[in-house]
């Protein structure tokens, strides 16, 4: 490897800008969307009629088992003739895809709540909506927060797949710089270090949060 500090200094601002404008944006926005959708799926799977719940379960299963690159390519081909930009497609695909995993985390959190909690809410004449809002969801969120954080980290590491729909995320910019200068080592290594610098502290934080919640 022939490392050049000149190339490293030249490409670093571009990589950081791509990280902030695309990689981090997709991770934050799609994680929030996935968390909201995942909670919706979990409630539907528990409260909807059996036939509806079974259909939703199968749909979520198919989405979960289909690779993100295939989903990106399929949705992009479908909307190619519209005015929807590729970044919006990426935000939607990542949110929907990871909502299926977060739904399972929510389901596990909901199932961990003691039956007595439901019975107490019924005894207090609380409506089903109020029971979910005031009793079930807060406890489920507390139980599943570390798992949701881990799925957000997994999404973060999957953002390079956005190259499938020509979104200029960080790895794409690194490859573009390498192609124009024939120097791939610096941009690729720097992109990897940026990924590591962002994901490792978050993973450690999630682990500490999980251990802390486990003590209560």
N, C-alpha and C. Protein backbone atom coordinates (compact mmCIF):
# COMPACT_ATOMS: atom_id res chain seq x y z
N UNK A 1 0.85 -1.20 0.00
CA UNK A 1 0.00 0.00 0.00
C UNK A 1 0.88 1.25 0.00
N UNK A 2 0.57 2.18 -0.88
CA UNK A 2 1.33 3.43 -0.99
C UNK A 2 0.45 4.58 -0.51
N UNK A 3 0.52 4.85 0.79
CA UNK A 3 -0.35 5.86 1.40
C UNK A 3 0.11 7.26 1.04
N UNK A 4 -0.85 8.12 0.68
CA UNK A 4 -0.54 9.50 0.35
C UNK A 4 -1.38 10.42 1.23
N UNK A 5 -0.71 11.21 2.07
CA UNK A 5 -1.44 12.16 2.90
C UNK A 5 -2.10 13.25 2.06
N UNK A 6 -1.52 13.52 0.91
CA UNK A 6 -2.11 14.52 0.02
C UNK A 6 -3.49 14.08 -0.46
N UNK A 7 -3.59 12.81 -0.87
CA UNK A 7 -4.89 12.29 -1.30
C UNK A 7 -5.85 12.21 -0.11
N UNK A 8 -5.33 11.83 1.05
CA UNK A 8 -6.18 11.72 2.24
C UNK A 8 -6.79 13.07 2.60
N UNK A 9 -5.97 14.11 2.60
CA UNK A 9 -6.46 15.45 2.91
C UNK A 9 -7.43 15.96 1.85
N UNK A 10 -7.21 15.56 0.61
CA UNK A 10 -8.07 16.04 -0.47
C UNK A 10 -9.45 15.40 -0.43
N UNK A 11 -9.52 14.12 -0.07
CA UNK A 11 -10.80 13.41 -0.14
C UNK A 11 -11.59 13.48 1.16
N UNK A 12 -10.93 13.74 2.28
CA UNK A 12 -11.61 13.71 3.58
C UNK A 12 -12.82 14.65 3.66
N UNK A 13 -12.73 15.92 3.23
CA UNK A 13 -13.92 16.78 3.29
C UNK A 13 -15.10 16.24 2.49
N UNK A 14 -14.82 15.65 1.33
CA UNK A 14 -15.89 15.07 0.52
C UNK A 14 -16.56 13.90 1.24
N UNK A 15 -15.74 13.07 1.86
CA UNK A 15 -16.29 11.92 2.59
C UNK A 15 -17.12 12.36 3.78
N UNK A 16 -16.63 13.34 4.52
CA UNK A 16 -17.38 13.83 5.68
C UNK A 16 -18.69 14.48 5.27
N UNK A 17 -18.68 15.19 4.16
CA UNK A 17 -19.91 15.82 3.67
C UNK A 17 -20.92 14.75 3.26
N UNK A 18 -20.45 13.72 2.56
CA UNK A 18 -21.34 12.62 2.16
C UNK A 18 -21.86 11.89 3.38
N UNK A 19 -21.02 11.74 4.40
CA UNK A 19 -21.44 11.09 5.63
C UNK A 19 -22.57 11.86 6.30
N UNK A 20 -22.42 13.18 6.38
CA UNK A 20 -23.43 14.00 7.05
C UNK A 20 -24.71 14.14 6.23
N UNK A 21 -24.57 14.35 4.93
CA UNK A 21 -25.73 14.66 4.09
C UNK A 21 -26.50 13.42 3.64
N UNK A 22 -25.84 12.27 3.63
CA UNK A 22 -26.52 11.06 3.13
C UNK A 22 -26.52 9.95 4.18
N UNK A 23 -25.33 9.47 4.54
CA UNK A 23 -25.24 8.30 5.43
C UNK A 23 -25.93 8.55 6.76
N UNK A 24 -25.59 9.65 7.41
CA UNK A 24 -26.19 9.95 8.71
C UNK A 24 -27.67 10.31 8.57
N UNK A 25 -28.00 11.05 7.53
CA UNK A 25 -29.40 11.43 7.29
C UNK A 25 -30.28 10.20 7.11
N UNK A 26 -29.84 9.28 6.25
CA UNK A 26 -30.62 8.07 6.00
C UNK A 26 -30.75 7.25 7.29
N UNK A 27 -29.67 7.13 8.03
CA UNK A 27 -29.71 6.35 9.26
C UNK A 27 -30.70 6.93 10.27
N UNK A 28 -30.65 8.23 10.49
CA UNK A 28 -31.52 8.85 11.49
C UNK A 28 -32.98 8.84 11.05
N UNK A 29 -33.24 9.34 9.84
CA UNK A 29 -34.63 9.45 9.38
C UNK A 29 -35.25 8.07 9.20
N UNK A 30 -34.53 7.15 8.58
CA UNK A 30 -35.09 5.82 8.34
C UNK A 30 -35.22 5.03 9.63
N UNK A 31 -34.33 5.25 10.59
CA UNK A 31 -34.46 4.57 11.89
C UNK A 31 -35.72 5.02 12.62
N UNK A 32 -35.99 6.32 12.58
CA UNK A 32 -37.21 6.82 13.20
C UNK A 32 -38.44 6.25 12.50
N UNK A 33 -38.40 6.27 11.16
CA UNK A 33 -39.51 5.70 10.41
C UNK A 33 -39.70 4.23 10.68
N UNK A 34 -38.58 3.49 10.76
CA UNK A 34 -38.65 2.05 11.03
C UNK A 34 -39.19 1.78 12.42
N UNK A 35 -38.81 2.60 13.40
CA UNK A 35 -39.29 2.41 14.76
C UNK A 35 -40.80 2.64 14.86
N UNK A 36 -41.29 3.66 14.17
CA UNK A 36 -42.73 3.95 14.18
C UNK A 36 -43.50 2.85 13.44
N UNK A 37 -43.02 2.49 12.25
CA UNK A 37 -43.70 1.43 11.48
C UNK A 37 -43.63 0.09 12.21
N UNK A 38 -42.48 -0.20 12.81
CA UNK A 38 -42.34 -1.46 13.52
C UNK A 38 -43.33 -1.59 14.66
N UNK A 39 -43.53 -0.48 15.39
CA UNK A 39 -44.52 -0.50 16.47
C UNK A 39 -45.92 -0.71 15.92
N UNK A 40 -46.21 -0.07 14.79
CA UNK A 40 -47.52 -0.25 14.15
C UNK A 40 -47.73 -1.71 13.77
N UNK A 41 -46.71 -2.32 13.14
CA UNK A 41 -46.84 -3.74 12.75
C UNK A 41 -47.07 -4.62 13.99
N UNK A 42 -46.33 -4.34 15.06
CA UNK A 42 -46.46 -5.16 16.26
C UNK A 42 -47.86 -5.08 16.85
N UNK A 43 -48.43 -3.88 16.86
CA UNK A 43 -49.79 -3.72 17.38
C UNK A 43 -50.79 -4.42 16.48
N UNK A 44 -50.62 -4.28 15.16
CA UNK A 44 -51.53 -4.94 14.21
C UNK A 44 -51.46 -6.45 14.38
N UNK A 45 -50.26 -7.00 14.52
CA UNK A 45 -50.11 -8.44 14.66
C UNK A 45 -50.77 -8.97 15.92
N UNK A 46 -50.88 -8.13 16.94
CA UNK A 46 -51.51 -8.57 18.19
C UNK A 46 -53.00 -8.30 18.23
N UNK A 47 -53.44 -7.18 17.66
CA UNK A 47 -54.82 -6.74 17.83
C UNK A 47 -55.72 -7.00 16.63
N UNK A 48 -55.15 -7.14 15.44
CA UNK A 48 -55.98 -7.31 14.24
C UNK A 48 -56.62 -8.69 14.22
N UNK A 49 -57.71 -8.85 13.47
CA UNK A 49 -58.30 -10.18 13.29
C UNK A 49 -57.25 -11.16 12.77
N UNK A 50 -57.45 -12.43 13.07
CA UNK A 50 -56.44 -13.44 12.78
C UNK A 50 -56.04 -13.47 11.31
N UNK A 51 -57.02 -13.33 10.42
CA UNK A 51 -56.73 -13.38 8.98
C UNK A 51 -55.85 -12.20 8.58
N UNK A 52 -56.22 -11.01 9.05
CA UNK A 52 -55.44 -9.80 8.74
C UNK A 52 -54.03 -9.92 9.31
N UNK A 53 -53.92 -10.37 10.55
CA UNK A 53 -52.61 -10.52 11.18
C UNK A 53 -51.74 -11.52 10.42
N UNK A 54 -52.36 -12.60 9.93
CA UNK A 54 -51.61 -13.61 9.18
C UNK A 54 -51.08 -13.04 7.87
N UNK A 55 -51.91 -12.24 7.19
CA UNK A 55 -51.48 -11.62 5.93
C UNK A 55 -50.33 -10.64 6.18
N UNK A 56 -50.49 -9.80 7.20
CA UNK A 56 -49.43 -8.83 7.53
C UNK A 56 -48.14 -9.56 7.89
N UNK A 57 -48.26 -10.63 8.65
CA UNK A 57 -47.08 -11.41 9.06
C UNK A 57 -46.34 -11.94 7.84
N UNK A 58 -47.07 -12.48 6.86
CA UNK A 58 -46.43 -13.03 5.66
C UNK A 58 -45.76 -11.93 4.85
N UNK A 59 -46.42 -10.79 4.74
CA UNK A 59 -45.83 -9.67 3.99
C UNK A 59 -44.54 -9.21 4.65
N UNK A 60 -44.57 -9.05 5.96
CA UNK A 60 -43.37 -8.63 6.69
C UNK A 60 -42.27 -9.67 6.55
N UNK A 61 -42.64 -10.93 6.54
CA UNK A 61 -41.66 -12.00 6.40
C UNK A 61 -40.96 -11.93 5.05
N UNK A 62 -41.73 -11.68 4.00
CA UNK A 62 -41.16 -11.56 2.66
C UNK A 62 -40.20 -10.37 2.58
N UNK A 63 -40.62 -9.24 3.14
CA UNK A 63 -39.76 -8.04 3.13
C UNK A 63 -38.48 -8.31 3.91
N UNK A 64 -38.62 -8.97 5.05
CA UNK A 64 -37.45 -9.23 5.89
C UNK A 64 -36.47 -10.18 5.21
N UNK A 65 -36.96 -11.12 4.43
CA UNK A 65 -36.11 -12.13 3.81
C UNK A 65 -35.56 -11.69 2.46
N UNK A 66 -36.01 -10.54 1.95
CA UNK A 66 -35.52 -10.05 0.66
C UNK A 66 -34.35 -9.10 0.89
N UNK A 67 -33.23 -9.28 0.21
CA UNK A 67 -32.07 -8.41 0.42
C UNK A 67 -32.38 -6.95 0.07
N UNK A 68 -31.78 -6.05 0.81
CA UNK A 68 -31.99 -4.62 0.56
C UNK A 68 -31.59 -4.21 -0.86
N UNK A 69 -30.46 -4.69 -1.41
CA UNK A 69 -30.13 -4.28 -2.78
C UNK A 69 -31.23 -4.61 -3.79
N UNK A 70 -31.85 -5.78 -3.62
CA UNK A 70 -32.94 -6.16 -4.51
C UNK A 70 -34.14 -5.24 -4.33
N UNK A 71 -34.47 -4.90 -3.09
CA UNK A 71 -35.59 -4.00 -2.84
C UNK A 71 -35.32 -2.61 -3.41
N UNK A 72 -34.09 -2.12 -3.23
CA UNK A 72 -33.74 -0.81 -3.78
C UNK A 72 -33.88 -0.80 -5.30
N UNK A 73 -33.35 -1.83 -5.95
CA UNK A 73 -33.40 -1.90 -7.41
C UNK A 73 -34.83 -2.01 -7.91
N UNK A 74 -35.64 -2.82 -7.23
CA UNK A 74 -37.03 -3.04 -7.66
C UNK A 74 -37.86 -1.76 -7.52
N UNK A 75 -37.76 -1.12 -6.36
CA UNK A 75 -38.54 0.10 -6.14
C UNK A 75 -38.06 1.22 -7.05
N UNK A 76 -36.75 1.33 -7.24
CA UNK A 76 -36.22 2.37 -8.11
C UNK A 76 -36.68 2.18 -9.55
N UNK A 77 -36.72 0.94 -10.02
CA UNK A 77 -37.20 0.67 -11.37
C UNK A 77 -38.68 1.02 -11.49
N UNK A 78 -39.43 0.82 -10.41
CA UNK A 78 -40.86 1.09 -10.42
C UNK A 78 -41.15 2.59 -10.48
N UNK A 79 -40.32 3.40 -9.81
CA UNK A 79 -40.58 4.85 -9.75
C UNK A 79 -39.68 5.64 -10.68
N UNK A 80 -38.96 4.95 -11.55
CA UNK A 80 -37.96 5.60 -12.40
C UNK A 80 -38.57 6.69 -13.27
N UNK A 81 -39.81 6.52 -13.68
CA UNK A 81 -40.45 7.49 -14.57
C UNK A 81 -41.16 8.61 -13.80
N UNK A 82 -41.05 8.59 -12.49
CA UNK A 82 -41.69 9.63 -11.66
C UNK A 82 -40.65 10.68 -11.25
N UNK A 83 -41.11 11.64 -10.46
CA UNK A 83 -40.22 12.71 -10.00
C UNK A 83 -39.58 12.40 -8.65
N UNK A 84 -39.78 11.19 -8.15
CA UNK A 84 -39.21 10.83 -6.85
C UNK A 84 -37.70 10.68 -6.98
N UNK A 85 -36.96 11.36 -6.13
CA UNK A 85 -35.50 11.29 -6.22
C UNK A 85 -34.98 10.03 -5.52
N UNK A 86 -33.79 9.55 -5.88
CA UNK A 86 -33.28 8.30 -5.33
C UNK A 86 -33.08 8.32 -3.82
N UNK A 87 -32.74 9.48 -3.26
CA UNK A 87 -32.56 9.54 -1.81
C UNK A 87 -33.86 9.25 -1.08
N UNK A 88 -34.97 9.78 -1.60
CA UNK A 88 -36.28 9.51 -1.00
C UNK A 88 -36.61 8.03 -1.07
N UNK A 89 -36.31 7.42 -2.21
CA UNK A 89 -36.52 5.97 -2.36
C UNK A 89 -35.71 5.22 -1.31
N UNK A 90 -34.46 5.62 -1.13
CA UNK A 90 -33.62 4.97 -0.14
C UNK A 90 -34.17 5.11 1.27
N UNK A 91 -34.62 6.30 1.62
CA UNK A 91 -35.20 6.53 2.95
C UNK A 91 -36.39 5.61 3.20
N UNK A 92 -37.25 5.48 2.20
CA UNK A 92 -38.45 4.65 2.35
C UNK A 92 -38.09 3.18 2.44
N UNK A 93 -37.22 2.72 1.55
CA UNK A 93 -36.85 1.29 1.52
C UNK A 93 -36.19 0.88 2.83
N UNK A 94 -35.26 1.67 3.32
CA UNK A 94 -34.58 1.32 4.57
C UNK A 94 -35.55 1.35 5.75
N UNK A 95 -36.44 2.33 5.78
CA UNK A 95 -37.41 2.41 6.87
C UNK A 95 -38.33 1.19 6.88
N UNK A 96 -38.85 0.84 5.71
CA UNK A 96 -39.78 -0.30 5.63
C UNK A 96 -39.04 -1.60 5.93
N UNK A 97 -37.86 -1.78 5.34
CA UNK A 97 -37.12 -3.03 5.54
C UNK A 97 -36.80 -3.25 7.02
N UNK A 98 -36.24 -2.25 7.66
CA UNK A 98 -35.85 -2.45 9.05
C UNK A 98 -37.02 -2.38 10.02
N UNK A 99 -38.16 -1.87 9.57
CA UNK A 99 -39.35 -1.91 10.43
C UNK A 99 -39.78 -3.34 10.69
N UNK A 100 -39.49 -4.24 9.75
CA UNK A 100 -39.88 -5.64 9.94
C UNK A 100 -39.07 -6.29 11.06
N UNK A 101 -37.80 -5.91 11.18
CA UNK A 101 -36.98 -6.43 12.28
C UNK A 101 -37.38 -5.79 13.61
N UNK A 102 -37.62 -4.48 13.57
CA UNK A 102 -38.01 -3.79 14.79
C UNK A 102 -39.37 -4.27 15.29
N UNK A 103 -40.24 -4.67 14.37
CA UNK A 103 -41.54 -5.21 14.77
C UNK A 103 -41.36 -6.46 15.63
N UNK A 104 -40.40 -7.31 15.26
CA UNK A 104 -40.13 -8.51 16.05
C UNK A 104 -39.58 -8.14 17.42
N UNK A 105 -38.76 -7.10 17.48
CA UNK A 105 -38.25 -6.64 18.78
C UNK A 105 -39.39 -6.13 19.65
N UNK A 106 -40.28 -5.36 19.05
CA UNK A 106 -41.45 -4.87 19.79
C UNK A 106 -42.32 -6.04 20.27
N UNK A 107 -42.53 -7.02 19.40
CA UNK A 107 -43.36 -8.17 19.78
C UNK A 107 -42.77 -8.87 20.99
N UNK A 108 -41.45 -9.03 20.99
CA UNK A 108 -40.80 -9.67 22.14
C UNK A 108 -40.98 -8.83 23.40
N UNK A 109 -40.86 -7.51 23.25
CA UNK A 109 -41.06 -6.63 24.40
C UNK A 109 -42.48 -6.67 24.92
N UNK A 110 -43.44 -6.71 24.01
CA UNK A 110 -44.85 -6.76 24.40
C UNK A 110 -45.16 -8.09 25.09
N UNK A 111 -44.62 -9.17 24.54
CA UNK A 111 -44.88 -10.49 25.13
C UNK A 111 -44.25 -10.63 26.51
N UNK A 112 -43.22 -9.83 26.79
CA UNK A 112 -42.55 -9.93 28.09
C UNK A 112 -43.34 -9.24 29.21
N UNK A 113 -44.34 -8.46 28.83
CA UNK A 113 -45.15 -7.75 29.84
C UNK A 113 -46.08 -8.75 30.52
N UNK A 114 -46.12 -8.72 31.81
CA UNK A 114 -46.92 -9.68 32.57
C UNK A 114 -48.41 -9.53 32.27
N UNK A 115 -49.13 -10.64 32.21
CA UNK A 115 -50.58 -10.58 31.96
C UNK A 115 -51.31 -9.71 32.98
N UNK A 116 -50.76 -9.63 34.18
CA UNK A 116 -51.41 -8.83 35.21
C UNK A 116 -51.51 -7.36 34.84
N UNK A 117 -50.59 -6.88 33.99
CA UNK A 117 -50.65 -5.48 33.56
C UNK A 117 -51.90 -5.24 32.72
N UNK A 118 -52.18 -6.17 31.82
CA UNK A 118 -53.39 -6.06 30.99
C UNK A 118 -54.64 -6.16 31.88
N UNK A 119 -54.61 -7.09 32.83
CA UNK A 119 -55.77 -7.29 33.70
C UNK A 119 -56.01 -6.06 34.58
N UNK A 120 -54.92 -5.45 35.05
CA UNK A 120 -55.08 -4.26 35.89
C UNK A 120 -55.68 -3.11 35.10
N UNK A 121 -55.25 -2.96 33.85
CA UNK A 121 -55.81 -1.90 33.00
C UNK A 121 -57.30 -2.13 32.76
N UNK A 122 -57.67 -3.39 32.56
CA UNK A 122 -59.09 -3.72 32.37
C UNK A 122 -59.89 -3.43 33.64
N UNK A 123 -59.30 -3.77 34.79
CA UNK A 123 -59.99 -3.53 36.07
C UNK A 123 -60.20 -2.05 36.32
N UNK A 124 -59.30 -1.23 35.78
CA UNK A 124 -59.42 0.23 35.94
C UNK A 124 -60.30 0.86 34.87
N UNK A 125 -60.94 0.01 34.07
CA UNK A 125 -61.84 0.46 33.00
C UNK A 125 -61.13 1.32 31.95
N UNK A 126 -59.88 1.03 31.73
CA UNK A 126 -59.12 1.75 30.70
C UNK A 126 -59.48 1.19 29.33
N UNK A 127 -59.64 2.08 28.36
CA UNK A 127 -59.90 1.62 27.00
C UNK A 127 -58.67 0.91 26.46
N UNK A 128 -58.85 0.15 25.38
CA UNK A 128 -57.72 -0.57 24.80
C UNK A 128 -56.66 0.40 24.30
N UNK A 129 -57.11 1.49 23.67
CA UNK A 129 -56.15 2.48 23.17
C UNK A 129 -55.36 3.10 24.32
N UNK A 130 -56.07 3.42 25.41
CA UNK A 130 -55.40 4.02 26.57
C UNK A 130 -54.46 3.02 27.22
N UNK A 131 -54.84 1.76 27.23
CA UNK A 131 -53.97 0.72 27.79
C UNK A 131 -52.66 0.64 27.03
N UNK A 132 -52.77 0.64 25.70
CA UNK A 132 -51.56 0.62 24.88
C UNK A 132 -50.71 1.86 25.13
N UNK A 133 -51.36 3.01 25.16
CA UNK A 133 -50.63 4.27 25.26
C UNK A 133 -49.95 4.45 26.62
N UNK A 134 -50.66 4.13 27.69
CA UNK A 134 -50.17 4.45 29.03
C UNK A 134 -49.46 3.29 29.72
N UNK A 135 -49.77 2.06 29.32
CA UNK A 135 -49.24 0.91 30.05
C UNK A 135 -48.29 0.07 29.20
N UNK A 136 -48.74 -0.36 28.04
CA UNK A 136 -48.00 -1.35 27.27
C UNK A 136 -46.82 -0.75 26.51
N UNK A 137 -47.08 0.28 25.71
CA UNK A 137 -46.02 0.84 24.86
C UNK A 137 -44.83 1.37 25.67
N UNK A 138 -45.05 2.13 26.76
CA UNK A 138 -43.88 2.60 27.53
C UNK A 138 -43.00 1.46 28.03
N UNK A 139 -43.63 0.38 28.52
CA UNK A 139 -42.84 -0.75 29.01
C UNK A 139 -42.16 -1.50 27.86
N UNK A 140 -42.86 -1.64 26.74
CA UNK A 140 -42.27 -2.32 25.59
C UNK A 140 -41.08 -1.54 25.04
N UNK A 141 -41.21 -0.21 24.99
CA UNK A 141 -40.10 0.62 24.51
C UNK A 141 -38.88 0.47 25.40
N UNK A 142 -39.10 0.46 26.68
CA UNK A 142 -37.99 0.32 27.63
C UNK A 142 -37.29 -1.02 27.43
N UNK A 143 -38.06 -2.06 27.18
CA UNK A 143 -37.48 -3.39 27.02
C UNK A 143 -36.77 -3.57 25.69
N UNK A 144 -37.22 -2.85 24.67
CA UNK A 144 -36.69 -3.08 23.32
C UNK A 144 -35.71 -2.01 22.85
N UNK A 145 -35.49 -0.97 23.64
CA UNK A 145 -34.64 0.13 23.19
C UNK A 145 -33.24 -0.32 22.75
N UNK A 146 -32.54 -1.18 23.52
CA UNK A 146 -31.22 -1.62 23.05
C UNK A 146 -31.30 -2.36 21.72
N UNK A 147 -32.32 -3.19 21.55
CA UNK A 147 -32.47 -3.93 20.30
C UNK A 147 -32.73 -2.98 19.13
N UNK A 148 -33.55 -1.97 19.35
CA UNK A 148 -33.82 -0.99 18.30
C UNK A 148 -32.54 -0.26 17.92
N UNK A 149 -31.73 0.07 18.92
CA UNK A 149 -30.45 0.72 18.64
C UNK A 149 -29.53 -0.15 17.81
N UNK A 150 -29.52 -1.44 18.09
CA UNK A 150 -28.69 -2.37 17.32
C UNK A 150 -29.15 -2.45 15.87
N UNK A 151 -30.46 -2.42 15.65
CA UNK A 151 -30.96 -2.43 14.27
C UNK A 151 -30.61 -1.13 13.56
N UNK A 152 -30.60 -0.03 14.27
CA UNK A 152 -30.19 1.25 13.66
C UNK A 152 -28.72 1.19 13.24
N UNK A 153 -27.89 0.55 14.05
CA UNK A 153 -26.48 0.39 13.69
C UNK A 153 -26.34 -0.49 12.46
N UNK A 154 -27.13 -1.56 12.41
CA UNK A 154 -27.10 -2.44 11.23
C UNK A 154 -27.51 -1.68 9.98
N UNK A 155 -28.53 -0.82 10.11
CA UNK A 155 -28.95 0.01 8.98
C UNK A 155 -27.82 0.93 8.54
N UNK A 156 -27.15 1.54 9.51
CA UNK A 156 -26.03 2.44 9.22
C UNK A 156 -24.98 1.73 8.38
N UNK A 157 -24.67 0.49 8.72
CA UNK A 157 -23.65 -0.26 7.98
C UNK A 157 -24.14 -0.73 6.62
N UNK A 158 -25.44 -0.71 6.41
CA UNK A 158 -26.01 -1.12 5.11
C UNK A 158 -26.17 0.04 4.14
N UNK A 159 -25.89 1.27 4.58
CA UNK A 159 -26.11 2.42 3.69
C UNK A 159 -25.29 2.40 2.40
N UNK A 160 -24.11 1.73 2.34
CA UNK A 160 -23.40 1.68 1.05
C UNK A 160 -24.21 1.05 -0.08
N UNK A 161 -25.24 0.28 0.25
CA UNK A 161 -26.08 -0.31 -0.80
C UNK A 161 -26.83 0.76 -1.60
N UNK A 162 -26.85 1.99 -1.09
CA UNK A 162 -27.51 3.08 -1.82
C UNK A 162 -26.86 3.34 -3.17
N UNK A 163 -25.66 2.81 -3.36
CA UNK A 163 -25.01 2.92 -4.67
C UNK A 163 -25.85 2.27 -5.76
N UNK A 164 -26.71 1.33 -5.36
CA UNK A 164 -27.58 0.64 -6.32
C UNK A 164 -28.51 1.60 -7.05
N UNK A 165 -28.85 2.71 -6.39
CA UNK A 165 -29.78 3.67 -7.01
C UNK A 165 -29.10 5.04 -7.19
N UNK A 166 -27.77 5.01 -7.27
CA UNK A 166 -26.97 6.20 -7.60
C UNK A 166 -27.07 7.32 -6.57
N UNK A 167 -27.26 6.96 -5.31
CA UNK A 167 -27.20 7.96 -4.24
C UNK A 167 -25.73 8.14 -3.84
N UNK A 168 -25.22 9.37 -3.87
CA UNK A 168 -23.80 9.60 -3.60
C UNK A 168 -23.45 9.53 -2.12
N UNK A 169 -23.56 8.34 -1.53
CA UNK A 169 -23.20 8.21 -0.12
C UNK A 169 -21.67 8.09 -0.01
N UNK A 170 -21.18 7.86 1.20
CA UNK A 170 -19.76 7.99 1.48
C UNK A 170 -18.88 7.02 0.70
N UNK A 171 -19.26 5.75 0.66
CA UNK A 171 -18.46 4.76 -0.06
C UNK A 171 -18.48 5.04 -1.56
N UNK A 172 -19.61 5.49 -2.06
CA UNK A 172 -19.70 5.86 -3.48
C UNK A 172 -18.74 6.98 -3.80
N UNK A 173 -18.67 7.99 -2.93
CA UNK A 173 -17.75 9.10 -3.13
C UNK A 173 -16.30 8.63 -3.05
N UNK A 174 -16.04 7.69 -2.15
CA UNK A 174 -14.68 7.15 -2.03
C UNK A 174 -14.26 6.44 -3.31
N UNK A 175 -15.17 5.64 -3.87
CA UNK A 175 -14.88 4.94 -5.11
C UNK A 175 -14.73 5.91 -6.27
N UNK A 176 -15.55 6.95 -6.28
CA UNK A 176 -15.46 7.95 -7.35
C UNK A 176 -14.12 8.67 -7.31
N UNK A 177 -13.65 9.01 -6.11
CA UNK A 177 -12.35 9.66 -5.99
C UNK A 177 -11.24 8.72 -6.44
N UNK A 178 -11.34 7.47 -6.04
CA UNK A 178 -10.34 6.50 -6.46
C UNK A 178 -10.31 6.32 -7.97
N UNK A 179 -11.49 6.33 -8.59
CA UNK A 179 -11.56 6.18 -10.04
C UNK A 179 -10.97 7.36 -10.79
N UNK A 180 -11.08 8.55 -10.20
CA UNK A 180 -10.57 9.74 -10.89
C UNK A 180 -9.08 9.98 -10.64
N UNK A 181 -8.55 9.43 -9.55
CA UNK A 181 -7.14 9.66 -9.22
C UNK A 181 -6.30 8.38 -9.26
N UNK A 182 -6.96 7.23 -9.45
CA UNK A 182 -6.30 5.92 -9.42
C UNK A 182 -5.62 5.67 -8.07
N UNK A 183 -6.17 6.28 -7.04
CA UNK A 183 -5.67 6.08 -5.69
C UNK A 183 -6.84 5.70 -4.80
N UNK A 184 -7.03 4.39 -4.60
CA UNK A 184 -8.20 3.90 -3.87
C UNK A 184 -7.92 3.71 -2.37
N UNK A 185 -6.67 3.53 -2.00
CA UNK A 185 -6.37 3.18 -0.61
C UNK A 185 -6.87 4.24 0.37
N UNK A 186 -6.52 5.49 0.13
CA UNK A 186 -6.85 6.55 1.07
C UNK A 186 -8.36 6.74 1.24
N UNK A 187 -9.14 6.89 0.15
CA UNK A 187 -10.58 7.12 0.35
C UNK A 187 -11.30 5.93 0.97
N UNK A 188 -10.94 4.71 0.57
CA UNK A 188 -11.63 3.53 1.11
C UNK A 188 -11.29 3.35 2.59
N UNK A 189 -10.03 3.50 2.95
CA UNK A 189 -9.63 3.34 4.36
C UNK A 189 -10.26 4.44 5.21
N UNK A 190 -10.25 5.67 4.72
CA UNK A 190 -10.86 6.76 5.48
C UNK A 190 -12.36 6.54 5.66
N UNK A 191 -13.03 6.06 4.62
CA UNK A 191 -14.46 5.77 4.73
C UNK A 191 -14.71 4.71 5.79
N UNK A 192 -13.85 3.67 5.79
CA UNK A 192 -13.99 2.63 6.80
C UNK A 192 -13.76 3.15 8.21
N UNK A 193 -12.78 4.05 8.36
CA UNK A 193 -12.51 4.63 9.68
C UNK A 193 -13.66 5.51 10.15
N UNK A 194 -14.28 6.22 9.23
CA UNK A 194 -15.44 7.05 9.60
C UNK A 194 -16.60 6.16 10.05
N UNK A 195 -16.84 5.06 9.33
CA UNK A 195 -17.87 4.11 9.74
C UNK A 195 -17.57 3.58 11.14
N UNK A 196 -16.31 3.20 11.37
CA UNK A 196 -15.93 2.65 12.67
C UNK A 196 -16.08 3.68 13.77
N UNK A 197 -15.64 4.91 13.50
CA UNK A 197 -15.71 5.97 14.51
C UNK A 197 -17.14 6.30 14.89
N UNK A 198 -18.07 6.10 13.96
CA UNK A 198 -19.48 6.40 14.25
C UNK A 198 -20.21 5.22 14.87
N UNK A 199 -19.90 4.01 14.41
CA UNK A 199 -20.68 2.85 14.85
C UNK A 199 -20.19 2.24 16.15
N UNK A 200 -18.88 2.22 16.38
CA UNK A 200 -18.36 1.54 17.57
C UNK A 200 -18.82 2.20 18.87
N UNK A 201 -18.68 3.53 19.02
CA UNK A 201 -19.17 4.15 20.26
C UNK A 201 -20.67 3.94 20.47
N UNK A 202 -21.42 3.95 19.38
CA UNK A 202 -22.87 3.73 19.49
C UNK A 202 -23.16 2.32 19.96
N UNK A 203 -22.41 1.34 19.43
CA UNK A 203 -22.60 -0.05 19.85
C UNK A 203 -22.25 -0.23 21.32
N UNK A 204 -21.18 0.41 21.78
CA UNK A 204 -20.80 0.35 23.19
C UNK A 204 -21.89 0.97 24.07
N UNK A 205 -22.43 2.10 23.61
CA UNK A 205 -23.50 2.77 24.35
C UNK A 205 -24.73 1.89 24.46
N UNK A 206 -25.09 1.21 23.36
CA UNK A 206 -26.25 0.33 23.38
C UNK A 206 -26.02 -0.85 24.33
N UNK A 207 -24.79 -1.35 24.37
CA UNK A 207 -24.48 -2.46 25.27
C UNK A 207 -24.59 -2.03 26.73
N UNK A 208 -24.09 -0.83 27.02
CA UNK A 208 -24.20 -0.32 28.39
C UNK A 208 -25.66 -0.07 28.77
N UNK A 209 -26.42 0.45 27.82
CA UNK A 209 -27.84 0.69 28.08
C UNK A 209 -28.57 -0.62 28.35
N UNK A 210 -28.24 -1.65 27.56
CA UNK A 210 -28.86 -2.96 27.75
C UNK A 210 -28.53 -3.51 29.13
N UNK A 211 -27.28 -3.40 29.54
CA UNK A 211 -26.87 -3.90 30.86
C UNK A 211 -27.54 -3.10 31.97
N UNK A 212 -27.68 -1.80 31.76
CA UNK A 212 -28.31 -0.96 32.77
C UNK A 212 -29.79 -1.30 32.93
N UNK A 213 -30.47 -1.48 31.80
CA UNK A 213 -31.89 -1.82 31.87
C UNK A 213 -32.10 -3.20 32.47
N UNK A 214 -31.14 -4.10 32.26
CA UNK A 214 -31.27 -5.46 32.78
C UNK A 214 -31.18 -5.49 34.31
N UNK A 215 -30.61 -4.45 34.91
CA UNK A 215 -30.49 -4.43 36.37
C UNK A 215 -31.75 -3.96 37.07
N UNK A 216 -32.72 -3.44 36.28
CA UNK A 216 -33.96 -2.93 36.88
C UNK A 216 -35.07 -3.96 36.75
